Amino acid sequence: MAKKKKNTLKAISKTKPKPIGRWHPTPLKSSFMLLAMIGFLASYYIVYSRSPSFGIAFMIVFIAMFISSLISLTKAPIIDERI
């Protein structure tokens, strides 16, 4: 007789979840940094001239995006894409 295959769903559900450890940055795409720079410039030249409060709010968001992309650039692990 043929052996029964194990139910993979049950095997996955029985594994213990990994404990939450240290924070590790993930690599972001270069388009994320480009979007942050373009968004900052657009919000400075277009939005800020029409509504200063919205312009400052958008600039803060895009500055935060740019800072996160810099952190990702320097701290993220190097991934070998040659497969």
C-alpha atoms as a PDB file:
ATOM      1  CA  MET A   1       0.000   0.000   0.000  1.00  0.00           C
ATOM      2  CA  ALA A   2       1.053   3.541  -0.603  1.00  0.00           C
ATOM      3  CA  LYS A   3       1.944   5.688   2.375  1.00  0.00           C
ATOM      4  CA  LYS A   4      -0.376   8.496   3.319  1.00  0.00           C
ATOM      5  CA  LYS A   5       0.989  11.964   2.723  1.00  0.00           C
ATOM      6  CA  LYS A   6       1.140  14.240   5.707  1.00  0.00           C
ATOM      7  CA  ASN A   7      -1.251  17.098   5.670  1.00  0.00           C
ATOM      8  CA  THR A   8       1.024  20.087   5.190  1.00  0.00           C
ATOM      9  CA  LEU A   9      -1.531  22.466   6.652  1.00  0.00           C
ATOM     10  CA  LYS A  10      -1.490  20.609   9.957  1.00  0.00           C
ATOM     11  CA  ALA A  11       2.296  20.480   9.941  1.00  0.00           C
ATOM     12  CA  ILE A  12       2.473  24.232   9.452  1.00  0.00           C
ATOM     13  CA  SER A  13      -0.063  24.958  12.161  1.00  0.00           C
ATOM     14  CA  LYS A  14       1.842  22.838  14.696  1.00  0.00           C
ATOM     15  CA  THR A  15       5.054  24.811  14.318  1.00  0.00           C
ATOM     16  CA  LYS A  16       5.723  27.363  16.992  1.00  0.00           C
ATOM     17  CA  PRO A  17       5.690  31.010  15.981  1.00  0.00           C
ATOM     18  CA  LYS A  18       9.064  32.707  15.967  1.00  0.00           C
ATOM     19  CA  PRO A  19       9.627  35.071  18.871  1.00  0.00           C
ATOM     20  CA  ILE A  20       9.796  38.721  17.987  1.00  0.00           C
ATOM     21  CA  GLY A  21      13.426  39.730  18.164  1.00  0.00           C
ATOM     22  CA  ARG A  22      15.450  42.727  17.166  1.00  0.00           C
ATOM     23  CA  TRP A  23      14.234  45.117  14.517  1.00  0.00           C
ATOM     24  CA  HIS A  24      15.787  44.540  11.096  1.00  0.00           C
ATOM     25  CA  PRO A  25      15.430  47.080   8.275  1.00  0.00           C
ATOM     26  CA  THR A  26      14.204  45.793   4.959  1.00  0.00           C
ATOM     27  CA  PRO A  27      15.693  46.891   1.658  1.00  0.00           C
ATOM     28  CA  LEU A  28      13.521  49.423  -0.162  1.00  0.00           C
ATOM     29  CA  LYS A  29      13.473  50.051  -3.878  1.00  0.00           C
ATOM     30  CA  SER A  30      15.284  53.019  -5.355  1.00  0.00           C
ATOM     31  CA  SER A  31      11.982  54.295  -6.722  1.00  0.00           C
ATOM     32  CA  PHE A  32      10.876  54.888  -3.121  1.00  0.00           C
ATOM     33  CA  MET A  33      13.722  57.382  -2.624  1.00  0.00           C
ATOM     34  CA  LEU A  34      13.015  58.991  -5.983  1.00  0.00           C
ATOM     35  CA  LEU A  35       9.337  59.364  -5.088  1.00  0.00           C
ATOM     36  CA  ALA A  36      10.282  60.979  -1.787  1.00  0.00           C
ATOM     37  CA  MET A  37      12.511  63.549  -3.517  1.00  0.00           C
ATOM     38  CA  ILE A  38       9.993  64.348  -6.267  1.00  0.00           C
ATOM     39  CA  GLY A  39       7.151  64.505  -3.755  1.00  0.00           C
ATOM     40  CA  PHE A  40       9.070  66.932  -1.548  1.00  0.00           C
ATOM     41  CA  LEU A  41       9.865  69.215  -4.457  1.00  0.00           C
ATOM     42  CA  ALA A  42       6.294  69.088  -5.774  1.00  0.00           C
ATOM     43  CA  SER A  43       4.826  69.823  -2.372  1.00  0.00           C
ATOM     44  CA  TYR A  44       7.265  72.720  -1.913  1.00  0.00           C
ATOM     45  CA  TYR A  45       6.641  74.364  -5.280  1.00  0.00           C
ATOM     46  CA  ILE A  46       2.989  73.499  -5.921  1.00  0.00           C
ATOM     47  CA  VAL A  47       1.184  72.720  -2.662  1.00  0.00           C
ATOM     48  CA  TYR A  48       2.995  75.139  -0.332  1.00  0.00           C
ATOM     49  CA  SER A  49       2.214  78.141  -2.549  1.00  0.00           C
ATOM     50  CA  ARG A  50      -1.516  77.355  -2.431  1.00  0.00           C
ATOM     51  CA  SER A  51      -1.859  76.158   1.161  1.00  0.00           C
ATOM     52  CA  PRO A  52       1.095  76.515   3.546  1.00  0.00           C
ATOM     53  CA  SER A  53      -0.325  74.159   6.181  1.00  0.00           C
ATOM     54  CA  PHE A  54      -0.899  71.328   3.702  1.00  0.00           C
ATOM     55  CA  GLY A  55       2.455  72.037   2.075  1.00  0.00           C
ATOM     56  CA  ILE A  56       4.311  71.684   5.354  1.00  0.00           C
ATOM     57  CA  ALA A  57       2.386  68.508   6.195  1.00  0.00           C
ATOM     58  CA  PHE A  58       3.252  66.909   2.856  1.00  0.00           C
ATOM     59  CA  MET A  59       6.879  67.992   3.137  1.00  0.00           C
ATOM     60  CA  ILE A  60       7.130  66.326   6.555  1.00  0.00           C
ATOM     61  CA  VAL A  61       5.708  63.091   5.123  1.00  0.00           C
ATOM     62  CA  PHE A  62       8.145  63.092   2.206  1.00  0.00           C
ATOM     63  CA  ILE A  63      11.083  63.924   4.482  1.00  0.00           C
ATOM     64  CA  ALA A  64      10.135  60.917   6.642  1.00  0.00           C
ATOM     65  CA  MET A  65      10.031  58.751   3.509  1.00  0.00           C
ATOM     66  CA  PHE A  66      13.458  60.004   2.453  1.00  0.00           C
ATOM     67  CA  ILE A  67      14.952  59.345   5.896  1.00  0.00           C
ATOM     68  CA  SER A  68      13.526  55.820   5.929  1.00  0.00           C
ATOM     69  CA  SER A  69      15.024  55.149   2.506  1.00  0.00           C
ATOM     70  CA  LEU A  70      18.425  56.361   3.765  1.00  0.00           C
ATOM     71  CA  ILE A  71      18.177  54.064   6.786  1.00  0.00           C
ATOM     72  CA  SER A  72      17.256  51.190   4.507  1.00  0.00           C
ATOM     73  CA  LEU A  73      20.154  52.051   2.216  1.00  0.00           C
ATOM     74  CA  THR A  74      22.751  51.927   4.974  1.00  0.00           C
ATOM     75  CA  LYS A  75      21.404  49.303   7.398  1.00  0.00           C
ATOM     76  CA  ALA A  76      19.601  46.711   5.254  1.00  0.00           C
ATOM     77  CA  PRO A  77      21.308  43.380   4.607  1.00  0.00           C
ATOM     78  CA  ILE A  78      22.829  42.803   1.181  1.00  0.00           C
ATOM     79  CA  ILE A  79      20.806  40.367  -0.894  1.00  0.00           C
ATOM     80  CA  ASP A  80      22.510  38.454  -3.692  1.00  0.00           C
ATOM     81  CA  GLU A  81      20.216  38.712  -6.717  1.00  0.00           C
ATOM     82  CA  ARG A  82      22.288  36.346  -8.861  1.00  0.00           C
ATOM     83  CA  ILE A  83      20.378  33.101  -8.880  1.00  0.00           C
END
